[in-house]
N, C-alpha and C. Protein backbone atom coordinates (compact mmCIF):
# COMPACT_ATOMS: atom_id res chain seq x y z
N MET A 1 0.83 -1.17 0.00
CA MET A 1 -0.01 -0.01 0.00
C MET A 1 0.88 1.23 0.00
N LYS A 2 0.59 2.07 -0.89
CA LYS A 2 1.36 3.30 -1.05
C LYS A 2 0.45 4.47 -0.71
N ILE A 3 0.90 5.28 0.23
CA ILE A 3 0.11 6.46 0.61
C ILE A 3 0.89 7.68 0.13
N GLY A 4 0.26 8.45 -0.67
CA GLY A 4 0.91 9.60 -1.22
C GLY A 4 0.21 10.89 -0.88
N VAL A 5 0.80 11.93 -1.27
CA VAL A 5 0.22 13.24 -1.01
C VAL A 5 -0.31 13.79 -2.30
N ALA A 6 -1.24 13.07 -2.87
CA ALA A 6 -1.80 13.51 -4.14
C ALA A 6 -2.84 14.57 -3.94
N CYS A 7 -3.35 14.67 -2.77
CA CYS A 7 -4.44 15.62 -2.52
C CYS A 7 -3.86 16.92 -2.03
N SER A 8 -4.37 18.01 -2.50
CA SER A 8 -3.90 19.33 -2.05
C SER A 8 -4.87 19.86 -1.02
N ILE A 9 -4.52 20.90 -0.34
CA ILE A 9 -5.40 21.51 0.65
C ILE A 9 -6.67 22.05 0.01
N SER A 10 -6.52 22.56 -1.18
CA SER A 10 -7.70 23.12 -1.85
C SER A 10 -8.76 22.03 -2.16
N THR A 11 -8.30 20.82 -2.47
CA THR A 11 -9.27 19.77 -2.73
C THR A 11 -9.87 19.23 -1.45
N LEU A 12 -9.12 19.32 -0.31
CA LEU A 12 -9.69 18.84 0.97
C LEU A 12 -10.87 19.70 1.39
N TYR A 13 -10.71 20.98 1.16
CA TYR A 13 -11.75 21.89 1.69
C TYR A 13 -12.67 22.40 0.58
N SER A 14 -12.48 21.90 -0.59
CA SER A 14 -13.35 22.31 -1.70
C SER A 14 -14.72 21.70 -1.54
N PRO A 15 -15.80 22.43 -1.74
CA PRO A 15 -17.14 21.86 -1.53
C PRO A 15 -17.58 20.94 -2.69
N THR A 16 -16.99 21.04 -3.84
CA THR A 16 -17.48 20.24 -5.01
C THR A 16 -17.11 18.78 -4.94
N PRO A 17 -15.83 18.40 -4.69
CA PRO A 17 -15.57 16.94 -4.73
C PRO A 17 -16.12 16.28 -3.47
N SER A 18 -16.51 15.10 -3.59
CA SER A 18 -17.03 14.38 -2.44
C SER A 18 -15.85 13.82 -1.61
N ILE A 19 -16.18 13.42 -0.43
CA ILE A 19 -15.14 12.87 0.45
C ILE A 19 -14.59 11.57 -0.13
N PHE A 20 -15.40 10.86 -0.84
CA PHE A 20 -14.95 9.61 -1.43
C PHE A 20 -13.88 9.87 -2.49
N ASN A 21 -14.06 10.92 -3.27
CA ASN A 21 -13.06 11.22 -4.31
C ASN A 21 -11.72 11.59 -3.68
N VAL A 22 -11.81 12.33 -2.54
CA VAL A 22 -10.59 12.73 -1.84
C VAL A 22 -9.90 11.50 -1.30
N ILE A 23 -10.66 10.60 -0.71
CA ILE A 23 -10.07 9.41 -0.17
C ILE A 23 -9.44 8.55 -1.25
N TRP A 24 -10.10 8.41 -2.38
CA TRP A 24 -9.58 7.64 -3.49
C TRP A 24 -8.32 8.28 -4.04
N GLU A 25 -8.26 9.59 -4.05
CA GLU A 25 -7.05 10.26 -4.57
C GLU A 25 -5.91 10.11 -3.58
N TRP A 26 -6.21 9.94 -2.31
CA TRP A 26 -5.18 9.92 -1.29
C TRP A 26 -4.27 8.70 -1.42
N GLY A 27 -4.79 7.60 -1.62
CA GLY A 27 -3.98 6.41 -1.69
C GLY A 27 -4.33 5.56 -2.89
N ASP A 28 -3.43 4.59 -3.14
CA ASP A 28 -3.63 3.67 -4.26
C ASP A 28 -4.32 2.36 -3.84
N SER A 29 -4.79 2.37 -2.59
CA SER A 29 -5.38 1.15 -2.09
C SER A 29 -6.77 0.94 -2.67
N ASP A 30 -7.09 -0.36 -2.83
CA ASP A 30 -8.45 -0.65 -3.30
C ASP A 30 -9.42 -0.73 -2.13
N ASP A 31 -8.91 -0.83 -0.96
CA ASP A 31 -9.79 -0.95 0.19
C ASP A 31 -10.16 0.46 0.70
N LEU A 32 -11.40 0.70 0.77
CA LEU A 32 -11.94 1.99 1.22
C LEU A 32 -11.64 2.23 2.70
N LEU A 33 -11.68 1.22 3.50
CA LEU A 33 -11.44 1.36 4.95
C LEU A 33 -9.99 1.72 5.22
N GLU A 34 -9.10 1.10 4.43
CA GLU A 34 -7.68 1.47 4.63
C GLU A 34 -7.41 2.90 4.24
N ALA A 35 -8.03 3.37 3.22
CA ALA A 35 -7.88 4.78 2.79
C ALA A 35 -8.45 5.73 3.84
N ILE A 36 -9.61 5.36 4.38
CA ILE A 36 -10.22 6.22 5.42
C ILE A 36 -9.32 6.19 6.68
N HIS A 37 -8.78 5.07 6.99
CA HIS A 37 -7.92 4.97 8.17
C HIS A 37 -6.62 5.78 7.95
N ALA A 38 -6.08 5.73 6.75
CA ALA A 38 -4.86 6.51 6.42
C ALA A 38 -5.14 8.01 6.54
N VAL A 39 -6.29 8.44 6.02
CA VAL A 39 -6.63 9.89 6.14
C VAL A 39 -6.87 10.23 7.58
N SER A 40 -7.56 9.38 8.30
CA SER A 40 -7.82 9.64 9.73
C SER A 40 -6.55 9.73 10.55
N SER A 41 -5.62 8.79 10.33
CA SER A 41 -4.37 8.84 11.05
C SER A 41 -3.52 10.09 10.67
N LYS A 42 -3.59 10.45 9.42
CA LYS A 42 -2.88 11.64 8.98
C LYS A 42 -3.52 12.92 9.66
N LEU A 43 -4.84 12.93 9.72
CA LEU A 43 -5.50 14.05 10.39
C LEU A 43 -5.20 14.08 11.88
N ASP A 44 -5.16 12.92 12.52
CA ASP A 44 -4.77 12.85 13.96
C ASP A 44 -3.36 13.34 14.16
N TYR A 45 -2.47 12.88 13.31
CA TYR A 45 -1.09 13.34 13.42
C TYR A 45 -0.95 14.87 13.23
N ASN A 46 -1.65 15.39 12.21
CA ASN A 46 -1.62 16.84 12.03
C ASN A 46 -2.29 17.56 13.18
N SER A 47 -3.32 16.97 13.75
CA SER A 47 -4.00 17.60 14.90
C SER A 47 -3.06 17.64 16.09
N ARG A 48 -2.33 16.54 16.33
CA ARG A 48 -1.36 16.52 17.45
C ARG A 48 -0.27 17.54 17.21
N LEU A 49 0.21 17.65 15.97
CA LEU A 49 1.24 18.68 15.68
C LEU A 49 0.69 20.08 15.92
N ILE A 50 -0.53 20.30 15.48
CA ILE A 50 -1.14 21.64 15.70
C ILE A 50 -1.27 21.91 17.19
N ASN A 51 -1.71 20.90 17.97
CA ASN A 51 -1.85 21.09 19.42
C ASN A 51 -0.51 21.36 20.11
N SER A 52 0.52 20.60 19.67
CA SER A 52 1.85 20.84 20.31
C SER A 52 2.40 22.21 19.92
N TRP A 53 2.20 22.60 18.66
CA TRP A 53 2.66 23.95 18.27
C TRP A 53 1.83 25.03 18.97
N HIS A 54 0.58 24.76 19.16
CA HIS A 54 -0.27 25.72 19.88
C HIS A 54 0.20 25.86 21.33
N GLU A 55 0.55 24.73 22.00
CA GLU A 55 1.08 24.80 23.32
C GLU A 55 2.37 25.54 23.41
N LYS A 56 3.25 25.28 22.43
CA LYS A 56 4.54 25.99 22.40
C LYS A 56 4.30 27.50 22.17
N CYS A 57 3.36 27.83 21.32
CA CYS A 57 3.04 29.24 21.09
C CYS A 57 2.49 29.90 22.32
N VAL A 58 1.62 29.18 23.04
CA VAL A 58 1.05 29.73 24.31
C VAL A 58 2.16 29.96 25.34
N GLU A 59 3.09 28.97 25.46
CA GLU A 59 4.22 29.13 26.39
C GLU A 59 5.07 30.33 25.96
N ASP A 60 5.40 30.40 24.69
CA ASP A 60 6.22 31.51 24.21
C ASP A 60 5.49 32.83 24.37
N GLU A 61 4.18 32.79 24.20
CA GLU A 61 3.40 34.05 24.38
C GLU A 61 3.43 34.49 25.82
N ALA A 62 3.38 33.52 26.76
CA ALA A 62 3.49 33.84 28.19
C ALA A 62 4.86 34.46 28.48
N ILE A 63 5.91 33.83 27.93
CA ILE A 63 7.24 34.35 28.12
C ILE A 63 7.36 35.77 27.53
N LEU A 64 6.84 35.95 26.35
CA LEU A 64 6.87 37.30 25.72
C LEU A 64 6.07 38.29 26.53
N ALA A 65 4.94 37.87 27.10
CA ALA A 65 4.16 38.78 27.95
C ALA A 65 4.94 39.19 29.17
N THR A 66 5.63 38.23 29.82
CA THR A 66 6.46 38.54 30.98
C THR A 66 7.58 39.50 30.59
N LEU A 67 8.24 39.19 29.48
CA LEU A 67 9.33 40.09 29.03
C LEU A 67 8.78 41.46 28.67
N ASN A 68 7.60 41.50 28.10
CA ASN A 68 6.99 42.81 27.73
C ASN A 68 6.68 43.60 28.99
N ILE A 69 6.20 42.94 30.03
CA ILE A 69 5.91 43.61 31.31
C ILE A 69 7.24 44.17 31.88
N ARG A 70 8.30 43.34 31.84
CA ARG A 70 9.60 43.80 32.36
C ARG A 70 10.09 44.99 31.55
N VAL A 71 10.01 44.91 30.25
CA VAL A 71 10.50 46.02 29.40
C VAL A 71 9.68 47.31 29.70
N ASN A 72 8.36 47.15 29.84
CA ASN A 72 7.52 48.30 30.15
C ASN A 72 7.92 48.90 31.50
N LYS A 73 8.19 48.04 32.50
CA LYS A 73 8.65 48.54 33.80
C LYS A 73 9.97 49.30 33.68
N VAL A 74 10.87 48.76 32.90
CA VAL A 74 12.19 49.43 32.74
C VAL A 74 11.98 50.76 32.01
N PHE A 75 11.14 50.78 30.99
CA PHE A 75 10.87 52.06 30.28
C PHE A 75 10.19 53.06 31.20
N SER A 76 9.27 52.60 32.02
CA SER A 76 8.59 53.54 32.93
C SER A 76 9.56 54.07 33.99
N GLN A 77 10.46 53.19 34.50
CA GLN A 77 11.47 53.68 35.44
C GLN A 77 12.43 54.65 34.79
N LYS A 78 12.80 54.33 33.55
CA LYS A 78 13.70 55.23 32.81
C LYS A 78 13.03 56.58 32.64
N ASN A 79 11.78 56.62 32.23
CA ASN A 79 11.06 57.87 32.10
C ASN A 79 10.92 58.61 33.41
N LYS A 80 10.67 57.84 34.49
CA LYS A 80 10.56 58.43 35.84
C LYS A 80 11.88 59.09 36.23
N TYR A 81 12.98 58.39 35.99
CA TYR A 81 14.29 58.93 36.35
C TYR A 81 14.66 60.13 35.45
N LEU A 82 14.25 60.06 34.19
CA LEU A 82 14.51 61.19 33.29
C LEU A 82 13.77 62.42 33.75
N LYS A 83 12.48 62.21 34.13
CA LYS A 83 11.68 63.37 34.68
C LYS A 83 12.30 63.86 35.96
N LEU A 84 12.72 62.94 36.84
CA LEU A 84 13.31 63.37 38.11
C LEU A 84 14.63 64.13 37.87
N SER A 85 15.45 63.61 36.93
CA SER A 85 16.71 64.30 36.64
C SER A 85 16.44 65.65 36.01
N HIS A 86 15.42 65.73 35.17
CA HIS A 86 15.07 67.01 34.55
C HIS A 86 14.59 68.00 35.63
N LYS A 87 13.76 67.53 36.57
CA LYS A 87 13.34 68.40 37.65
C LYS A 87 14.53 68.86 38.46
N ARG A 88 15.46 67.94 38.75
CA ARG A 88 16.63 68.30 39.55
C ARG A 88 17.51 69.28 38.77
N LYS A 89 17.59 69.09 37.50
CA LYS A 89 18.39 69.98 36.65
C LYS A 89 17.77 71.40 36.71
N LEU A 90 16.47 71.47 36.54
CA LEU A 90 15.78 72.72 36.63
C LEU A 90 15.96 73.37 37.98
N LYS A 91 15.84 72.58 39.09
CA LYS A 91 16.04 73.11 40.44
C LYS A 91 17.46 73.59 40.61
N ALA A 92 18.47 72.86 40.09
CA ALA A 92 19.83 73.31 40.20
C ALA A 92 20.06 74.60 39.43
N GLU A 93 19.48 74.71 38.22
CA GLU A 93 19.59 75.94 37.45
C GLU A 93 18.91 77.12 38.21
N GLU A 94 17.77 76.84 38.83
CA GLU A 94 17.07 77.87 39.58
C GLU A 94 17.90 78.31 40.82
N LEU A 95 18.48 77.33 41.51
CA LEU A 95 19.32 77.68 42.65
C LEU A 95 20.57 78.41 42.21
N ASP A 96 21.13 78.05 41.10
CA ASP A 96 22.32 78.73 40.56
C ASP A 96 21.95 80.15 40.24
N THR A 97 20.77 80.39 39.63
CA THR A 97 20.33 81.73 39.27
C THR A 97 20.14 82.54 40.56
N VAL A 98 19.50 81.93 41.56
CA VAL A 98 19.27 82.61 42.84
C VAL A 98 20.59 82.99 43.49
N MET A 99 21.56 82.01 43.45
CA MET A 99 22.83 82.27 44.05
C MET A 99 23.56 83.41 43.34
N ASN A 100 23.52 83.40 42.00
CA ASN A 100 24.15 84.48 41.27
C ASN A 100 23.51 85.82 41.56
N ASP A 101 22.15 85.84 41.69
CA ASP A 101 21.45 87.07 42.05
C ASP A 101 21.88 87.55 43.44
N GLU A 102 21.98 86.60 44.38
CA GLU A 102 22.41 86.95 45.74
C GLU A 102 23.82 87.49 45.75
N ILE A 103 24.71 86.89 44.97
CA ILE A 103 26.11 87.36 44.88
C ILE A 103 26.13 88.79 44.32
N LYS A 104 25.36 88.99 43.24
CA LYS A 104 25.28 90.32 42.65
C LYS A 104 24.76 91.34 43.67
N GLY A 105 23.72 90.91 44.41
CA GLY A 105 23.15 91.80 45.42
C GLY A 105 24.14 92.13 46.49
N CYS A 106 24.89 91.12 46.94
CA CYS A 106 25.91 91.32 47.98
C CYS A 106 27.02 92.26 47.49
N LEU A 107 27.41 92.03 46.24
CA LEU A 107 28.46 92.89 45.68
C LEU A 107 27.98 94.33 45.54
N MET A 108 26.72 94.49 45.10
CA MET A 108 26.16 95.83 45.01
C MET A 108 26.09 96.48 46.39
N ASN A 109 25.64 95.73 47.39
CA ASN A 109 25.58 96.26 48.76
C ASN A 109 26.98 96.63 49.26
N HIS A 110 27.92 95.76 48.93
CA HIS A 110 29.30 96.06 49.36
C HIS A 110 29.83 97.33 48.69
N MET A 111 29.54 97.48 47.40
CA MET A 111 29.99 98.70 46.70
C MET A 111 29.29 99.91 47.29
N ARG A 112 27.98 99.77 47.56
CA ARG A 112 27.28 100.92 48.17
C ARG A 112 27.83 101.20 49.55
N CYS A 113 28.12 100.17 50.31
CA CYS A 113 28.68 100.36 51.62
C CYS A 113 30.05 101.07 51.53
N LYS A 114 30.86 100.70 50.55
CA LYS A 114 32.14 101.38 50.37
C LYS A 114 31.93 102.85 50.06
N GLU A 115 30.94 103.12 49.18
CA GLU A 115 30.62 104.53 48.85
C GLU A 115 30.15 105.26 50.10
N TYR A 116 29.21 104.65 50.83
CA TYR A 116 28.71 105.28 52.06
C TYR A 116 29.81 105.45 53.09
N HIS A 117 30.69 104.45 53.16
CA HIS A 117 31.77 104.51 54.13
C HIS A 117 32.75 105.67 53.79
N SER A 118 33.07 105.82 52.52
CA SER A 118 33.94 106.94 52.15
C SER A 118 33.24 108.27 52.40
N GLU A 119 31.92 108.36 52.11
CA GLU A 119 31.21 109.60 52.42
C GLU A 119 31.14 109.83 53.92
N LEU A 120 30.92 108.79 54.69
CA LEU A 120 30.89 108.96 56.17
C LEU A 120 32.26 109.31 56.69
N GLU A 121 33.28 108.74 56.09
CA GLU A 121 34.68 109.06 56.52
C GLU A 121 34.94 110.55 56.31
N LEU A 122 34.58 111.03 55.12
CA LEU A 122 34.80 112.46 54.84
C LEU A 122 34.00 113.33 55.78
N ALA A 123 32.74 112.96 56.01
CA ALA A 123 31.88 113.73 56.91
C ALA A 123 32.39 113.70 58.32
N PHE A 124 32.87 112.54 58.76
CA PHE A 124 33.37 112.43 60.13
C PHE A 124 34.65 113.26 60.30
N ASN A 125 35.56 113.15 59.33
CA ASN A 125 36.81 113.96 59.43
C ASN A 125 36.51 115.45 59.44
N GLU A 126 35.59 115.84 58.56
CA GLU A 126 35.23 117.26 58.51
C GLU A 126 34.57 117.70 59.81
N GLY A 127 33.68 116.85 60.31
CA GLY A 127 33.00 117.18 61.57
C GLY A 127 33.96 117.17 62.75
N PHE A 128 34.94 116.23 62.72
CA PHE A 128 35.88 116.17 63.79
C PHE A 128 36.81 117.42 63.82
N LYS A 129 37.17 117.89 62.64
CA LYS A 129 37.98 119.10 62.57
C LYS A 129 37.21 120.29 63.17
N LYS A 130 35.90 120.35 62.80
CA LYS A 130 35.09 121.43 63.38
C LYS A 130 34.93 121.25 64.88
N PHE A 131 34.82 119.96 65.33
CA PHE A 131 34.67 119.75 66.76
C PHE A 131 35.92 120.15 67.50
N ARG A 132 37.10 119.83 66.95
CA ARG A 132 38.36 120.22 67.63
C ARG A 132 38.49 121.73 67.68
N ALA A 133 38.10 122.36 66.60
CA ALA A 133 38.20 123.84 66.60
C ALA A 133 37.23 124.41 67.62
N PHE A 134 36.00 123.85 67.71
CA PHE A 134 35.02 124.37 68.65
C PHE A 134 35.48 124.03 70.08
N ALA A 135 35.95 122.78 70.30
CA ALA A 135 36.38 122.39 71.65
C ALA A 135 37.59 123.17 72.08
N ALA A 136 38.47 123.51 71.14
CA ALA A 136 39.64 124.30 71.52
C ALA A 136 39.24 125.69 72.01
N THR A 137 38.20 126.23 71.45
CA THR A 137 37.75 127.57 71.93
C THR A 137 37.05 127.49 73.28
N ILE A 138 36.35 126.37 73.55
CA ILE A 138 35.62 126.23 74.85
C ILE A 138 36.60 125.77 75.91
N HIS A 139 37.26 124.64 75.66
CA HIS A 139 38.19 124.08 76.63
C HIS A 139 39.60 124.34 76.15
N THR A 140 40.15 125.39 76.54
CA THR A 140 41.51 125.75 76.08
C THR A 140 42.57 125.01 76.88
N SER A 141 42.16 124.32 77.97
CA SER A 141 43.16 123.61 78.78
C SER A 141 43.56 122.28 78.12
N TYR A 142 42.73 121.71 77.25
CA TYR A 142 43.09 120.45 76.55
C TYR A 142 43.83 120.77 75.25
N ASN A 143 44.75 119.85 74.90
CA ASN A 143 45.42 119.93 73.61
C ASN A 143 44.66 119.05 72.63
N TRP A 144 43.70 119.61 71.91
CA TRP A 144 42.81 118.83 71.05
C TRP A 144 43.52 118.42 69.73
N ASP A 145 44.61 119.05 69.43
CA ASP A 145 45.31 118.63 68.20
C ASP A 145 45.99 117.26 68.39
N TYR A 146 46.22 116.87 69.61
CA TYR A 146 46.85 115.56 69.85
C TYR A 146 45.88 114.41 69.59
N VAL A 147 44.61 114.64 69.76
CA VAL A 147 43.61 113.58 69.52
C VAL A 147 43.26 113.54 68.04
N SER A 148 43.58 112.46 67.40
CA SER A 148 43.34 112.32 65.94
C SER A 148 41.98 111.64 65.67
N PRO A 149 41.49 111.73 64.45
CA PRO A 149 40.22 111.03 64.15
C PRO A 149 40.29 109.51 64.36
N ASN A 150 41.47 108.92 64.02
CA ASN A 150 41.61 107.51 64.27
C ASN A 150 41.56 107.18 65.75
N ALA A 151 42.11 108.03 66.57
CA ALA A 151 42.06 107.77 68.02
C ALA A 151 40.61 107.88 68.51
N VAL A 152 39.86 108.79 67.97
CA VAL A 152 38.47 108.92 68.40
C VAL A 152 37.67 107.71 67.98
N ARG A 153 37.99 107.13 66.83
CA ARG A 153 37.26 105.93 66.39
C ARG A 153 37.54 104.73 67.26
N GLU A 154 38.71 104.72 67.90
CA GLU A 154 39.05 103.60 68.78
C GLU A 154 38.28 103.66 70.10
N ILE A 155 37.79 104.86 70.47
CA ILE A 155 37.11 104.97 71.79
C ILE A 155 35.85 104.09 71.86
N PRO A 156 34.96 104.18 70.86
CA PRO A 156 33.82 103.26 70.97
C PRO A 156 34.18 101.78 70.77
N ASP A 157 35.25 101.51 70.03
CA ASP A 157 35.67 100.16 69.81
C ASP A 157 36.18 99.53 71.10
N ASP A 158 36.88 100.27 71.89
CA ASP A 158 37.43 99.74 73.16
C ASP A 158 36.35 99.65 74.24
N GLY A 159 35.34 100.49 74.14
CA GLY A 159 34.25 100.48 75.15
C GLY A 159 34.71 101.18 76.44
N GLY A 160 33.83 101.24 77.36
CA GLY A 160 34.17 101.81 78.68
C GLY A 160 33.90 103.34 78.68
N ASP A 161 34.31 103.93 79.78
CA ASP A 161 34.08 105.38 79.99
C ASP A 161 35.05 106.15 79.14
N MET A 162 34.58 107.25 78.60
CA MET A 162 35.44 108.06 77.71
C MET A 162 36.57 108.70 78.49
N ASN A 163 36.34 109.04 79.77
CA ASN A 163 37.41 109.65 80.58
C ASN A 163 38.50 108.67 80.91
N GLU A 164 38.20 107.37 80.85
CA GLU A 164 39.19 106.38 81.18
C GLU A 164 39.98 105.93 79.92
N HIS A 165 39.63 106.46 78.76
CA HIS A 165 40.31 106.02 77.53
C HIS A 165 41.70 106.51 77.48
N LYS A 166 42.57 105.75 76.83
CA LYS A 166 44.01 106.08 76.81
C LYS A 166 44.29 107.39 76.10
N HIS A 167 43.54 107.69 75.02
CA HIS A 167 43.82 108.96 74.31
C HIS A 167 43.33 110.15 75.09
N VAL A 168 42.25 110.00 75.81
CA VAL A 168 41.76 111.08 76.65
C VAL A 168 42.76 111.30 77.79
N LYS A 169 43.25 110.20 78.35
CA LYS A 169 44.22 110.30 79.42
C LYS A 169 45.52 110.97 78.91
N ALA A 170 45.88 110.59 77.68
CA ALA A 170 47.09 111.16 77.10
C ALA A 170 46.89 112.65 76.91
N ALA A 171 45.72 113.06 76.44
CA ALA A 171 45.45 114.48 76.28
C ALA A 171 45.45 115.19 77.60
N GLN A 172 44.88 114.58 78.64
CA GLN A 172 44.87 115.19 79.95
C GLN A 172 46.27 115.25 80.56
N LYS A 173 47.07 114.21 80.29
CA LYS A 173 48.46 114.19 80.78
C LYS A 173 49.26 115.29 80.10
N LYS A 174 49.03 115.46 78.82
CA LYS A 174 49.73 116.50 78.11
C LYS A 174 49.33 117.86 78.67
N LEU A 175 48.08 117.98 79.05
CA LEU A 175 47.60 119.24 79.65
C LEU A 175 48.31 119.51 80.94
N THR A 176 48.45 118.47 81.75
CA THR A 176 49.14 118.67 83.07
C THR A 176 50.61 118.96 82.84
N ASP A 177 51.20 118.34 81.83
CA ASP A 177 52.61 118.60 81.52
C ASP A 177 52.84 120.02 81.06
N THR A 178 51.92 120.57 80.32
CA THR A 178 52.06 121.93 79.81
C THR A 178 51.77 122.98 80.88
N THR A 179 50.97 122.62 81.87
CA THR A 179 50.67 123.59 82.93
C THR A 179 51.75 123.69 83.95
N LYS A 180 52.65 122.77 84.06
CA LYS A 180 53.69 122.82 85.03
C LYS A 180 54.79 123.77 84.68
């Protein structure tokens, strides 16, 4: 008995030929039962192959689904970290801008303070000259030329009573030295 593949898929599913023609074309056997059995065993074999391939596909699909979930998690974490790094970058740029503004503000204040300090220095020296001239006319017993503007600035820095200050004592000592 020779079983061949004389039948094509189109003739198996074609509505015009009868099943008997397909079976007769399938094999060269004169026995109809043997031909039916051959077709049945071939269909069973193909069915088992389809089932095994279907099971393999289902297993592979489960593996692919698991891998797809993992890949999606990785992509979502990547996007999360990218957003977080972008936020941190913006925060760092904002802090850098704030720091630069603060530095500029401090430098401007420092420059203004230098300007005010020089103006105050000039005003103090001018006022102190006028004070010495006025004090020399009122208290002629003190030598007011001996007390310099720098010495007067040290008085508040040292603290304490002004009569106990070393420059005032020196001026009073000079006064007692000149009266002798």
